[in-house]
N, C-alpha and C. Protein backbone atom coordinates (compact mmCIF):
# COMPACT_ATOMS: atom_id res chain seq x y z
N MET A 1 -14.26 -55.81 9.86
CA MET A 1 -14.74 -54.49 9.57
C MET A 1 -16.08 -54.30 9.70
N SER A 2 -16.80 -55.54 9.12
CA SER A 2 -18.35 -55.55 9.18
C SER A 2 -18.81 -55.93 10.66
N SER A 3 -17.97 -56.55 11.28
CA SER A 3 -18.47 -56.81 12.78
C SER A 3 -18.22 -55.82 13.60
N ASP A 4 -17.23 -55.04 13.13
CA ASP A 4 -17.19 -53.87 14.14
C ASP A 4 -18.18 -52.60 13.61
N VAL A 5 -18.60 -52.66 12.52
CA VAL A 5 -19.84 -52.08 12.41
C VAL A 5 -21.06 -52.30 12.94
N ASN A 6 -21.33 -53.66 12.90
CA ASN A 6 -22.31 -54.40 13.42
C ASN A 6 -22.33 -54.07 15.13
N LYS A 7 -20.96 -54.23 15.81
CA LYS A 7 -21.09 -53.99 17.23
C LYS A 7 -21.54 -52.60 17.50
N ILE A 8 -21.22 -51.59 16.68
CA ILE A 8 -21.32 -50.19 16.86
C ILE A 8 -23.00 -49.88 16.66
N ILE A 9 -23.50 -50.48 15.60
CA ILE A 9 -25.15 -50.40 15.42
C ILE A 9 -25.77 -51.10 16.66
N LYS A 10 -25.32 -52.09 17.07
CA LYS A 10 -26.20 -52.82 18.37
C LYS A 10 -25.86 -51.99 19.43
N LYS A 11 -24.57 -51.26 19.75
CA LYS A 11 -24.58 -50.55 20.89
C LYS A 11 -25.43 -49.33 20.77
N THR A 12 -25.64 -48.52 19.80
CA THR A 12 -26.23 -47.86 19.37
C THR A 12 -27.85 -47.77 19.60
N VAL A 13 -28.24 -49.00 18.94
CA VAL A 13 -29.69 -49.22 19.32
C VAL A 13 -30.02 -49.84 20.62
N GLN A 14 -29.05 -50.16 21.29
CA GLN A 14 -29.24 -50.59 22.63
C GLN A 14 -29.46 -49.24 23.55
N GLY A 15 -28.74 -47.98 23.22
CA GLY A 15 -28.38 -46.78 23.88
C GLY A 15 -27.48 -46.68 24.60
N ARG A 16 -26.49 -47.51 24.28
CA ARG A 16 -25.21 -47.22 24.98
C ARG A 16 -24.49 -46.44 23.81
N SER A 17 -23.57 -45.68 24.33
CA SER A 17 -22.93 -44.66 23.56
C SER A 17 -21.64 -45.46 22.74
N PHE A 18 -21.53 -45.10 21.40
CA PHE A 18 -20.42 -45.41 20.56
C PHE A 18 -19.19 -44.85 20.86
N VAL A 19 -19.48 -43.59 21.17
CA VAL A 19 -18.41 -42.75 20.90
C VAL A 19 -17.87 -42.75 22.63
N SER A 20 -16.98 -43.76 22.60
CA SER A 20 -16.19 -44.26 23.99
C SER A 20 -14.56 -44.09 24.00
N LEU A 21 -13.99 -44.34 24.71
CA LEU A 21 -12.40 -44.13 24.42
C LEU A 21 -11.80 -45.20 23.64
N GLU A 22 -12.52 -46.52 23.74
CA GLU A 22 -12.35 -47.38 22.65
C GLU A 22 -12.50 -47.02 21.44
N PHE A 23 -13.49 -46.59 21.02
CA PHE A 23 -13.94 -45.89 19.78
C PHE A 23 -12.87 -44.98 19.26
N PHE A 24 -12.29 -43.84 20.23
CA PHE A 24 -11.33 -43.28 19.68
C PHE A 24 -10.01 -43.91 19.40
N SER A 25 -9.70 -44.94 20.56
CA SER A 25 -8.47 -45.68 20.28
C SER A 25 -8.22 -46.31 19.16
N ARG A 26 -9.51 -47.11 18.83
CA ARG A 26 -9.55 -47.96 17.45
C ARG A 26 -9.53 -47.10 16.23
N TYR A 27 -10.34 -46.03 16.28
CA TYR A 27 -10.41 -45.25 14.87
C TYR A 27 -9.63 -43.79 15.23
N ALA A 28 -8.67 -43.34 15.89
CA ALA A 28 -7.70 -42.18 15.97
C ALA A 28 -7.46 -41.59 14.70
N ILE A 29 -7.04 -42.65 13.86
CA ILE A 29 -6.40 -41.88 12.61
C ILE A 29 -7.54 -41.41 11.81
N TYR A 30 -8.51 -41.86 11.74
CA TYR A 30 -9.85 -41.45 11.00
C TYR A 30 -10.37 -40.26 11.34
N VAL A 31 -10.53 -40.33 13.11
CA VAL A 31 -10.75 -39.03 13.44
C VAL A 31 -10.15 -38.11 13.48
N LEU A 32 -8.74 -37.95 13.62
CA LEU A 32 -7.73 -37.30 13.34
C LEU A 32 -7.82 -36.38 11.90
N GLY A 33 -7.94 -37.55 11.13
CA GLY A 33 -7.79 -37.12 9.48
C GLY A 33 -9.25 -36.48 9.27
N GLY A 34 -10.12 -36.54 9.99
CA GLY A 34 -11.85 -35.70 9.83
C GLY A 34 -11.50 -34.62 10.27
N ILE A 35 -10.65 -34.42 11.38
CA ILE A 35 -10.39 -33.15 12.22
C ILE A 35 -9.77 -32.22 11.34
N VAL A 36 -8.44 -33.03 10.67
CA VAL A 36 -7.53 -31.93 9.67
C VAL A 36 -8.11 -31.54 8.90
N MET A 37 -9.10 -32.42 7.95
CA MET A 37 -9.89 -31.96 6.79
C MET A 37 -10.79 -30.95 6.84
N LEU A 38 -11.51 -30.76 8.04
CA LEU A 38 -12.29 -29.55 8.84
C LEU A 38 -11.77 -28.21 8.77
N LEU A 39 -10.45 -28.70 9.47
CA LEU A 39 -9.57 -27.43 9.76
C LEU A 39 -9.11 -26.92 8.60
N CYS A 40 -8.95 -27.92 7.47
CA CYS A 40 -8.17 -27.25 6.23
C CYS A 40 -9.38 -26.49 5.34
N TYR A 41 -10.57 -27.07 5.46
CA TYR A 41 -11.57 -26.63 5.01
C TYR A 41 -11.97 -25.10 5.38
N ILE A 42 -12.14 -24.93 6.74
CA ILE A 42 -12.07 -23.62 7.11
C ILE A 42 -11.33 -22.37 6.90
N GLY A 43 -9.94 -23.17 7.07
CA GLY A 43 -8.98 -22.38 6.48
C GLY A 43 -8.88 -21.87 5.26
N ASN A 44 -9.17 -22.81 4.53
CA ASN A 44 -9.25 -22.18 2.89
C ASN A 44 -10.23 -21.63 2.53
N LYS A 45 -11.58 -21.52 3.39
CA LYS A 45 -12.90 -20.46 3.10
C LYS A 45 -12.26 -19.23 3.53
N TYR A 46 -11.66 -19.25 4.85
CA TYR A 46 -10.95 -18.03 5.36
C TYR A 46 -10.18 -17.14 4.22
N ILE A 47 -9.13 -17.87 3.58
CA ILE A 47 -8.29 -17.36 2.87
C ILE A 47 -9.18 -17.09 1.60
N TYR A 48 -10.20 -17.96 1.03
CA TYR A 48 -10.79 -17.40 -0.20
C TYR A 48 -11.51 -15.87 0.14
N GLN A 49 -12.17 -15.93 1.04
CA GLN A 49 -13.18 -14.77 1.52
C GLN A 49 -12.35 -13.57 1.51
N SER A 50 -11.08 -13.41 2.18
CA SER A 50 -10.08 -12.45 2.49
C SER A 50 -9.39 -11.80 1.34
N ARG A 51 -9.12 -13.06 0.25
CA ARG A 51 -8.67 -12.50 -1.15
C ARG A 51 -9.75 -11.83 -1.81
N GLN A 52 -11.06 -12.30 -1.65
CA GLN A 52 -12.26 -11.79 -2.34
C GLN A 52 -12.10 -10.17 -2.11
N GLU A 53 -12.42 -10.00 -0.70
CA GLU A 53 -12.28 -8.47 -0.37
C GLU A 53 -11.03 -7.62 -0.71
N GLN A 54 -9.95 -8.51 -0.98
CA GLN A 54 -8.70 -7.74 -1.21
C GLN A 54 -9.16 -7.47 -2.92
N ILE A 55 -9.50 -8.20 -3.60
CA ILE A 55 -9.87 -8.27 -5.00
C ILE A 55 -10.86 -6.93 -4.90
N ILE A 56 -11.70 -7.07 -4.45
CA ILE A 56 -12.75 -6.10 -4.46
C ILE A 56 -12.21 -4.71 -4.37
N SER A 57 -11.21 -4.46 -3.11
CA SER A 57 -10.89 -3.29 -2.94
C SER A 57 -9.96 -2.87 -3.84
N LEU A 58 -8.95 -3.88 -4.55
CA LEU A 58 -8.27 -3.48 -5.62
C LEU A 58 -9.11 -3.00 -6.79
N LYS A 59 -10.19 -3.49 -7.30
CA LYS A 59 -10.65 -3.24 -8.28
C LYS A 59 -11.57 -1.73 -8.08
N LYS A 60 -12.04 -1.44 -6.86
CA LYS A 60 -12.16 0.00 -6.62
C LYS A 60 -11.32 0.99 -6.85
N ASP A 61 -10.17 0.37 -6.30
CA ASP A 61 -8.93 1.29 -6.41
C ASP A 61 -8.51 1.75 -8.19
N LEU A 62 -8.55 0.71 -8.69
CA LEU A 62 -8.44 0.48 -10.14
C LEU A 62 -9.22 1.37 -11.03
N ASP A 63 -10.63 1.38 -10.78
CA ASP A 63 -11.62 1.87 -11.14
C ASP A 63 -11.49 3.80 -10.67
N ASN A 64 -10.92 4.16 -9.66
CA ASN A 64 -10.62 5.47 -9.32
C ASN A 64 -9.44 5.66 -10.14
N ALA A 65 -8.46 5.03 -10.41
CA ALA A 65 -7.27 5.40 -11.08
C ALA A 65 -7.67 5.62 -12.33
N ARG A 66 -8.53 4.59 -12.93
CA ARG A 66 -9.08 4.94 -14.39
C ARG A 66 -9.68 6.32 -14.63
N THR A 67 -10.69 6.44 -13.71
CA THR A 67 -11.16 8.04 -13.59
C THR A 67 -10.10 9.13 -13.64
N ASP A 68 -9.09 8.99 -12.78
CA ASP A 68 -8.10 9.96 -12.97
C ASP A 68 -7.48 10.24 -13.92
N LEU A 69 -7.17 8.89 -14.31
CA LEU A 69 -6.29 9.10 -15.70
C LEU A 69 -7.02 9.94 -16.85
N VAL A 70 -8.60 9.64 -16.81
CA VAL A 70 -9.18 10.11 -18.10
C VAL A 70 -9.62 11.51 -17.76
N ASP A 71 -9.32 12.15 -16.33
CA ASP A 71 -9.57 13.55 -16.03
C ASP A 71 -8.40 14.33 -16.46
N ALA A 72 -7.26 13.45 -15.97
CA ALA A 72 -5.95 14.26 -16.59
C ALA A 72 -6.00 14.40 -17.92
N SER A 73 -6.19 13.20 -18.43
CA SER A 73 -6.26 13.29 -20.08
C SER A 73 -6.59 14.36 -20.90
N ALA A 74 -7.94 14.60 -20.11
CA ALA A 74 -8.79 15.80 -20.84
C ALA A 74 -8.57 17.05 -20.46
N ARG A 75 -7.95 17.12 -19.33
CA ARG A 75 -7.32 18.47 -18.93
C ARG A 75 -6.07 19.07 -19.67
N TYR A 76 -5.27 17.80 -19.95
CA TYR A 76 -4.11 17.95 -20.58
C TYR A 76 -4.59 18.34 -22.23
N ASN A 77 -5.38 17.55 -22.96
CA ASN A 77 -5.58 17.64 -24.09
C ASN A 77 -6.20 19.32 -24.43
N SER A 78 -6.96 19.74 -23.60
CA SER A 78 -7.61 21.10 -23.22
C SER A 78 -6.52 21.91 -23.14
N MET A 79 -5.80 21.91 -22.41
CA MET A 79 -4.75 22.88 -22.63
C MET A 79 -3.63 23.06 -24.02
N VAL A 80 -3.37 21.54 -24.10
CA VAL A 80 -2.64 21.32 -25.69
C VAL A 80 -3.43 22.23 -26.72
N ARG A 81 -4.74 21.86 -26.92
CA ARG A 81 -5.23 22.55 -27.78
C ARG A 81 -5.39 23.96 -27.89
N GLU A 82 -5.67 24.57 -26.74
CA GLU A 82 -5.47 25.89 -26.17
C GLU A 82 -4.31 26.72 -26.55
N SER A 83 -3.03 25.93 -26.25
CA SER A 83 -1.77 26.82 -26.32
C SER A 83 -1.61 26.34 -28.29
N HIS A 84 -2.05 25.60 -28.80
CA HIS A 84 -1.84 25.44 -30.18
C HIS A 84 -2.46 26.34 -30.75
N MET A 85 -4.04 26.82 -30.55
CA MET A 85 -4.41 27.60 -31.16
C MET A 85 -4.03 29.01 -30.81
N THR A 86 -3.48 29.22 -29.62
CA THR A 86 -2.95 30.64 -29.44
C THR A 86 -1.58 30.67 -30.50
N ALA A 87 -0.77 29.84 -30.52
CA ALA A 87 0.36 29.50 -31.30
C ALA A 87 0.06 29.97 -32.77
N TYR A 88 -1.04 29.36 -33.10
CA TYR A 88 -1.59 29.44 -34.67
C TYR A 88 -1.71 30.83 -34.79
N VAL A 89 -2.55 31.45 -33.92
CA VAL A 89 -3.21 32.82 -34.05
C VAL A 89 -1.84 33.87 -34.03
N ASP A 90 -0.68 33.63 -33.05
CA ASP A 90 0.01 34.33 -33.27
C ASP A 90 0.98 34.43 -34.34
N THR A 91 1.23 33.20 -34.96
CA THR A 91 1.85 33.07 -36.15
C THR A 91 1.35 33.34 -37.44
N PHE A 92 0.02 33.46 -37.61
CA PHE A 92 -0.53 34.04 -38.42
C PHE A 92 -0.79 35.80 -38.66
N GLY A 93 -0.72 36.00 -37.34
CA GLY A 93 -0.84 37.76 -36.98
C GLY A 93 -2.15 38.15 -37.10
N LEU A 94 -3.08 37.21 -36.74
CA LEU A 94 -4.51 37.44 -36.99
C LEU A 94 -5.00 38.76 -35.84
N ASN A 95 -4.51 38.87 -34.67
CA ASN A 95 -4.77 39.62 -33.72
C ASN A 95 -5.95 39.51 -32.88
N LEU A 96 -6.11 38.33 -32.78
CA LEU A 96 -7.50 37.48 -32.01
C LEU A 96 -7.01 37.05 -30.65
N THR A 97 -7.99 37.36 -29.49
CA THR A 97 -7.51 37.61 -28.52
C THR A 97 -8.95 36.61 -27.90
N ALA A 98 -8.42 35.89 -26.55
CA ALA A 98 -9.86 35.14 -25.80
C ALA A 98 -10.41 36.07 -25.24
N PRO A 99 -11.56 36.02 -25.10
CA PRO A 99 -12.98 37.35 -24.52
C PRO A 99 -12.48 36.96 -23.03
N ASP A 100 -12.68 38.23 -22.48
CA ASP A 100 -12.53 38.04 -20.96
C ASP A 100 -13.63 37.90 -20.31
N GLN A 101 -15.21 38.17 -21.06
CA GLN A 101 -16.39 37.62 -20.60
C GLN A 101 -16.87 36.54 -20.73
N PRO A 102 -17.66 35.67 -20.61
CA PRO A 102 -18.52 34.66 -21.11
C PRO A 102 -19.68 35.30 -22.18
N PRO A 103 -19.55 34.25 -23.06
CA PRO A 103 -21.19 35.01 -24.04
C PRO A 103 -22.25 34.87 -23.44
N PHE A 104 -23.07 35.80 -23.99
CA PHE A 104 -24.47 35.65 -23.33
C PHE A 104 -25.40 35.91 -24.27
N VAL A 105 -26.52 35.47 -24.00
CA VAL A 105 -27.91 35.52 -24.97
C VAL A 105 -28.58 36.73 -25.02
N ILE A 106 -28.81 37.11 -26.25
CA ILE A 106 -29.44 38.35 -26.51
C ILE A 106 -31.09 37.91 -26.57
N LYS A 107 -32.12 38.78 -25.78
CA LYS A 107 -33.35 38.29 -26.03
C LYS A 107 -34.24 39.16 -26.74
């Protein structure tokens, strides 16, 4: 193995290309393994990036759904309070009604 490395170094120093057909036939398994590893790395990076974008999108959707939930809950609680107060006023016979006009400031 070290003699092969010495031959490659010698050819490189002399200016001859060590990437020849003989090199590929001798180290074909290693070259193919390296290419497969690079393709796997690129594929994993692509999958990771697409999943990160999907996670960000789903987080935005979740935040919007939570906001809608809080808004709907507030509206529901407001309607329930108003209907309960109206029911209490009616049961006690207080003859109170909701004002038609909003309150105003006297100067």
